[in-house]
Amino acid sequence: MHILICDDDAAFGARMAEYVTVYFTARSVQVHTAVCTSAAEVLATPGLELYQLAFLDVDMPGANGMVLGRQLKQKCPGLMLVYVSAYLEFALEGYTVNAYRYLLKRDIARTLPKCLDDLLAALTDQRKTLTVHHNRTETEIPLDQIYYLESDLRQINIYGDIARQPICTYYGKIADLPPMLYENGFLQVSRSDVVNMKYVRSIRSYRALLKNGVELSVSRAGYAAIQNAYLEWKGQYVDE
């Protein structure tokens, strides 16, 4: 799990990182934390689209936590926000940006464990993920962030809503992708590409057009079956 922590008090941010790391590690959930002291630092975090959870201070110099929360939601719509502040007066505004919870710093030791219990339950219930292994690390990528997977020599590139910019690259083959992908709306359209059908605008003229503007070639040999599979899925699961 990728977790962002932003607080202009670096010591408090480090303490939060320790809290969440200990909590999730004890539950066999691998955690990667990024601790930042400003909104600019958060927005410059590499692989921002991988993060599933963010703990944000509200009262910070420059762009405050509310502004930052809105910016993060634009970049990562599925990101869960928790505001952590010394002041109760900001709580109502926190919920206007769809914050999951608002915690007071003075009560953090008491309230954080229950908050993490609820967050873990929500993330487990709502998100199916693809687990990839690369450079001795394990990363879980929510399926709803994946637009398509592309085989390139002996590597798999995973792409999201930013065209041609991989979310993740790891060693593997299309043939070895887990069946759970195909059970959850993914479709192989060529020897080297597997698409998430929820992000396909159309399949026609031997091309698959995705909602982020990317066009992929569709296998001529299996074109009719691929097109029919997509149209059947769309008719069953997509509410236009």
Foldseek 3Di string as FASTA:
>chain_A
DEEEEEALPQVVQVVVVVVVCVVVVVVVHDYDYDYYHDLVVLVPDPLLQQAAEYEAEADHPDHGPLNSLLVSCVVHVNHAYEYEYQDPVCQVSCCVSVHPYYYYPVCCVPPVVVVVVVVVVCCVVPFDWFWDAAPNDIGTGTPQQFFKWFDDPQKIFTDGLAPPDGSDMHGHAPVPGDCVQVVQQWADFDRTMIGRLVQWPAQPPQWTAGVSGDIDGGDPVCRVVRRVVSVVCCVVPPDD
